[in-house]
Amino acid sequence: MKHIVALQNLVTPWPDGLEPSDAELDAIEQEMPLILARVDLLDAQIMTLDRTTSEVDERRIRRARNRVLVARRDLANRVAGSTGSGDAA
C-alpha cells in the first residue's frame, strides 16, 4: 500500500512584513469613526433593498449620510491640523 503525503509543510509560515505597522494601525484607528459611519449607512441602505422605502427608512438613510459627512469633515480637519507646520508669518 502506498501512502500519499504532502511534500510541503502542513502549515505555511507567516512571512515577515505582512503585519500592519504601528503607523498603519494608528491610521486605521484615526479613520475608525468614518469607517463605522459608512457601515451604518450601508446597513441602512441594505435594509431597503427588498422593500419600498418608508419615511422612516428615508430618514434613517439621510441621518446616516449626515453622520458620514460629519465624520469625513472631522477626519479632514484632524489630518489638516496635524500636518500643519504651525509657522504662521
N, C-alpha and C. Protein backbone atom coordinates (compact mmCIF):
# COMPACT_ATOMS: atom_id res chain seq x y z
N MET A 1 0.84 -1.17 0.00
CA MET A 1 0.00 0.00 0.00
C MET A 1 0.89 1.23 0.00
N LYS A 2 0.56 2.20 -0.87
CA LYS A 2 1.32 3.43 -0.94
C LYS A 2 0.65 4.51 -0.10
N HIS A 3 1.46 5.31 0.58
CA HIS A 3 0.93 6.42 1.36
C HIS A 3 1.14 7.70 0.57
N ILE A 4 0.12 8.52 0.53
CA ILE A 4 0.22 9.81 -0.16
C ILE A 4 0.45 10.87 0.91
N VAL A 5 1.56 11.59 0.79
CA VAL A 5 1.88 12.63 1.77
C VAL A 5 2.20 13.92 1.04
N ALA A 6 1.98 15.01 1.73
CA ALA A 6 2.29 16.32 1.15
C ALA A 6 3.79 16.54 1.15
N LEU A 7 4.27 17.19 0.13
CA LEU A 7 5.70 17.47 0.04
C LEU A 7 6.06 18.78 0.72
N GLN A 8 5.07 19.64 0.97
CA GLN A 8 5.32 20.91 1.64
C GLN A 8 4.98 20.78 3.13
N ASN A 9 5.33 21.84 3.86
CA ASN A 9 4.95 21.90 5.27
C ASN A 9 3.43 21.93 5.38
N LEU A 10 2.91 21.39 6.44
CA LEU A 10 1.47 21.40 6.62
C LEU A 10 0.94 22.80 6.86
N VAL A 11 1.71 23.61 7.55
CA VAL A 11 1.29 24.98 7.84
C VAL A 11 2.29 25.92 7.20
N THR A 12 1.79 26.81 6.37
CA THR A 12 2.67 27.78 5.74
C THR A 12 3.08 28.82 6.76
N PRO A 13 4.37 29.04 6.95
CA PRO A 13 4.80 30.04 7.93
C PRO A 13 4.40 31.44 7.49
N TRP A 14 4.11 32.29 8.46
CA TRP A 14 3.70 33.67 8.19
C TRP A 14 4.93 34.50 7.87
N PRO A 15 5.05 34.98 6.62
CA PRO A 15 6.26 35.73 6.27
C PRO A 15 6.29 37.09 6.95
N ASP A 16 7.48 37.57 7.22
CA ASP A 16 7.63 38.88 7.83
C ASP A 16 7.18 39.96 6.85
N GLY A 17 6.68 41.04 7.38
CA GLY A 17 6.28 42.16 6.53
C GLY A 17 4.80 42.19 6.20
N LEU A 18 4.03 41.17 6.56
CA LEU A 18 2.61 41.18 6.27
C LEU A 18 1.79 41.76 7.41
N GLU A 19 2.38 41.89 8.56
CA GLU A 19 1.69 42.50 9.69
C GLU A 19 1.63 44.01 9.46
N PRO A 20 0.50 44.65 9.82
CA PRO A 20 0.46 46.11 9.69
C PRO A 20 1.41 46.78 10.67
N SER A 21 1.98 47.87 10.23
CA SER A 21 2.91 48.60 11.10
C SER A 21 2.12 49.40 12.13
N ASP A 22 2.82 49.94 13.10
CA ASP A 22 2.17 50.76 14.12
C ASP A 22 1.54 52.00 13.48
N ALA A 23 2.22 52.57 12.49
CA ALA A 23 1.68 53.76 11.81
C ALA A 23 0.40 53.41 11.06
N GLU A 24 0.35 52.24 10.43
CA GLU A 24 -0.87 51.83 9.72
C GLU A 24 -2.01 51.57 10.70
N LEU A 25 -1.70 50.96 11.83
CA LEU A 25 -2.74 50.72 12.84
C LEU A 25 -3.26 52.04 13.41
N ASP A 26 -2.38 53.01 13.61
CA ASP A 26 -2.80 54.33 14.09
C ASP A 26 -3.69 55.02 13.06
N ALA A 27 -3.36 54.88 11.77
CA ALA A 27 -4.17 55.49 10.72
C ALA A 27 -5.56 54.86 10.67
N ILE A 28 -5.62 53.55 10.84
CA ILE A 28 -6.91 52.86 10.86
C ILE A 28 -7.72 53.32 12.06
N GLU A 29 -7.08 53.43 13.21
CA GLU A 29 -7.78 53.88 14.42
C GLU A 29 -8.29 55.30 14.26
N GLN A 30 -7.52 56.14 13.59
CA GLN A 30 -7.94 57.53 13.38
C GLN A 30 -9.13 57.59 12.41
N GLU A 31 -9.19 56.67 11.46
CA GLU A 31 -10.29 56.64 10.49
C GLU A 31 -11.50 55.84 10.96
N MET A 32 -11.42 55.22 12.12
CA MET A 32 -12.48 54.34 12.58
C MET A 32 -13.86 55.00 12.68
N PRO A 33 -13.99 56.27 13.14
CA PRO A 33 -15.32 56.88 13.15
C PRO A 33 -15.94 56.96 11.75
N LEU A 34 -15.13 57.26 10.75
CA LEU A 34 -15.62 57.32 9.38
C LEU A 34 -16.01 55.92 8.89
N ILE A 35 -15.20 54.93 9.21
CA ILE A 35 -15.49 53.56 8.80
C ILE A 35 -16.82 53.11 9.40
N LEU A 36 -17.02 53.37 10.67
CA LEU A 36 -18.26 52.97 11.34
C LEU A 36 -19.46 53.72 10.79
N ALA A 37 -19.29 55.00 10.45
CA ALA A 37 -20.39 55.77 9.87
C ALA A 37 -20.76 55.21 8.50
N ARG A 38 -19.77 54.81 7.73
CA ARG A 38 -20.05 54.22 6.42
C ARG A 38 -20.75 52.87 6.56
N VAL A 39 -20.38 52.10 7.56
CA VAL A 39 -21.04 50.82 7.81
C VAL A 39 -22.50 51.05 8.19
N ASP A 40 -22.77 52.05 9.02
CA ASP A 40 -24.15 52.37 9.38
C ASP A 40 -24.96 52.78 8.16
N LEU A 41 -24.36 53.57 7.26
CA LEU A 41 -25.05 53.97 6.04
C LEU A 41 -25.34 52.75 5.18
N LEU A 42 -24.37 51.88 5.04
CA LEU A 42 -24.57 50.67 4.25
C LEU A 42 -25.66 49.80 4.85
N ASP A 43 -25.69 49.66 6.17
CA ASP A 43 -26.74 48.89 6.83
C ASP A 43 -28.11 49.48 6.55
N ALA A 44 -28.21 50.81 6.61
CA ALA A 44 -29.49 51.47 6.35
C ALA A 44 -29.92 51.25 4.90
N GLN A 45 -28.98 51.26 3.97
CA GLN A 45 -29.31 51.06 2.57
C GLN A 45 -29.68 49.60 2.30
N ILE A 46 -29.00 48.67 2.94
CA ILE A 46 -29.29 47.25 2.74
C ILE A 46 -30.69 46.92 3.23
N MET A 47 -31.12 47.55 4.31
CA MET A 47 -32.46 47.26 4.85
C MET A 47 -33.56 47.59 3.85
N THR A 48 -33.29 48.48 2.92
CA THR A 48 -34.33 48.91 1.99
C THR A 48 -34.23 48.23 0.62
N LEU A 49 -33.34 47.27 0.46
CA LEU A 49 -33.16 46.65 -0.85
C LEU A 49 -34.38 45.86 -1.32
N ASP A 50 -35.02 45.15 -0.44
CA ASP A 50 -36.10 44.25 -0.86
C ASP A 50 -37.50 44.77 -0.53
N ARG A 51 -37.60 46.05 -0.25
CA ARG A 51 -38.92 46.62 0.04
C ARG A 51 -38.95 48.08 -0.36
N THR A 52 -40.14 48.60 -0.43
CA THR A 52 -40.31 50.03 -0.72
C THR A 52 -39.90 50.82 0.51
N THR A 53 -39.14 51.88 0.27
CA THR A 53 -38.67 52.67 1.41
C THR A 53 -39.81 53.45 2.03
N SER A 54 -39.83 53.46 3.33
CA SER A 54 -40.82 54.24 4.06
C SER A 54 -40.19 55.58 4.45
N GLU A 55 -40.98 56.42 5.06
CA GLU A 55 -40.47 57.70 5.53
C GLU A 55 -39.40 57.50 6.60
N VAL A 56 -39.59 56.50 7.43
CA VAL A 56 -38.61 56.20 8.48
C VAL A 56 -37.30 55.73 7.85
N ASP A 57 -37.40 54.90 6.80
CA ASP A 57 -36.19 54.43 6.11
C ASP A 57 -35.44 55.59 5.48
N GLU A 58 -36.16 56.48 4.83
CA GLU A 58 -35.52 57.65 4.20
C GLU A 58 -34.84 58.52 5.25
N ARG A 59 -35.47 58.68 6.39
CA ARG A 59 -34.88 59.47 7.48
C ARG A 59 -33.62 58.79 8.02
N ARG A 60 -33.69 57.47 8.17
CA ARG A 60 -32.53 56.71 8.66
C ARG A 60 -31.35 56.85 7.69
N ILE A 61 -31.61 56.75 6.39
CA ILE A 61 -30.54 56.88 5.39
C ILE A 61 -30.00 58.30 5.38
N ARG A 62 -30.87 59.28 5.46
CA ARG A 62 -30.43 60.68 5.47
C ARG A 62 -29.55 60.97 6.68
N ARG A 63 -29.94 60.47 7.85
CA ARG A 63 -29.13 60.68 9.05
C ARG A 63 -27.80 59.96 8.96
N ALA A 64 -27.81 58.77 8.38
CA ALA A 64 -26.56 58.03 8.22
C ALA A 64 -25.63 58.77 7.26
N ARG A 65 -26.18 59.32 6.17
CA ARG A 65 -25.35 60.11 5.25
C ARG A 65 -24.77 61.33 5.94
N ASN A 66 -25.58 61.97 6.76
CA ASN A 66 -25.08 63.13 7.50
C ASN A 66 -23.96 62.75 8.46
N ARG A 67 -24.07 61.58 9.11
CA ARG A 67 -23.01 61.12 10.00
C ARG A 67 -21.72 60.84 9.23
N VAL A 68 -21.85 60.31 8.01
CA VAL A 68 -20.67 60.09 7.17
C VAL A 68 -20.01 61.42 6.83
N LEU A 69 -20.83 62.41 6.45
CA LEU A 69 -20.27 63.72 6.11
C LEU A 69 -19.57 64.36 7.31
N VAL A 70 -20.17 64.26 8.48
CA VAL A 70 -19.56 64.82 9.68
C VAL A 70 -18.25 64.10 10.00
N ALA A 71 -18.25 62.78 9.88
CA ALA A 71 -17.03 62.02 10.16
C ALA A 71 -15.93 62.36 9.16
N ARG A 72 -16.30 62.54 7.88
CA ARG A 72 -15.30 62.92 6.87
C ARG A 72 -14.74 64.31 7.16
N ARG A 73 -15.63 65.24 7.56
CA ARG A 73 -15.17 66.59 7.88
C ARG A 73 -14.23 66.57 9.08
N ASP A 74 -14.61 65.84 10.12
CA ASP A 74 -13.78 65.77 11.32
C ASP A 74 -12.42 65.15 11.02
N LEU A 75 -12.43 64.09 10.20
CA LEU A 75 -11.17 63.45 9.84
C LEU A 75 -10.29 64.40 9.02
N ALA A 76 -10.89 65.10 8.07
CA ALA A 76 -10.12 66.04 7.25
C ALA A 76 -9.55 67.17 8.11
N ASN A 77 -10.33 67.67 9.04
CA ASN A 77 -9.84 68.73 9.92
C ASN A 77 -8.73 68.23 10.84
N ARG A 78 -8.87 67.01 11.32
CA ARG A 78 -7.85 66.44 12.20
C ARG A 78 -6.55 66.20 11.44
N VAL A 79 -6.65 65.69 10.21
CA VAL A 79 -5.46 65.45 9.40
C VAL A 79 -4.81 66.77 9.01
N ALA A 80 -5.61 67.76 8.62
CA ALA A 80 -5.06 69.07 8.24
C ALA A 80 -4.41 69.74 9.44
N GLY A 81 -4.97 69.58 10.62
CA GLY A 81 -4.40 70.19 11.82
C GLY A 81 -3.11 69.52 12.25
N SER A 82 -2.99 68.21 12.01
CA SER A 82 -1.78 67.53 12.45
C SER A 82 -0.64 67.67 11.46
N THR A 83 -0.92 68.02 10.19
CA THR A 83 0.15 68.17 9.21
C THR A 83 0.57 69.61 9.02
N GLY A 84 -0.15 70.53 9.66
CA GLY A 84 0.22 71.94 9.54
C GLY A 84 1.56 72.22 10.21
N SER A 85 2.34 73.11 9.63
CA SER A 85 3.66 73.37 10.17
C SER A 85 3.63 74.29 11.38
N GLY A 86 2.58 75.11 11.49
CA GLY A 86 2.49 75.99 12.62
C GLY A 86 3.36 77.20 12.52
N ASP A 87 3.99 77.43 11.38
CA ASP A 87 4.87 78.60 11.19
C ASP A 87 4.10 79.70 10.50
N ALA A 88 3.21 80.33 11.22
CA ALA A 88 2.43 81.43 10.65
C ALA A 88 3.31 82.69 10.63
N ALA A 89 3.30 83.38 9.50
CA ALA A 89 4.15 84.58 9.38
C ALA A 89 3.37 85.83 9.58
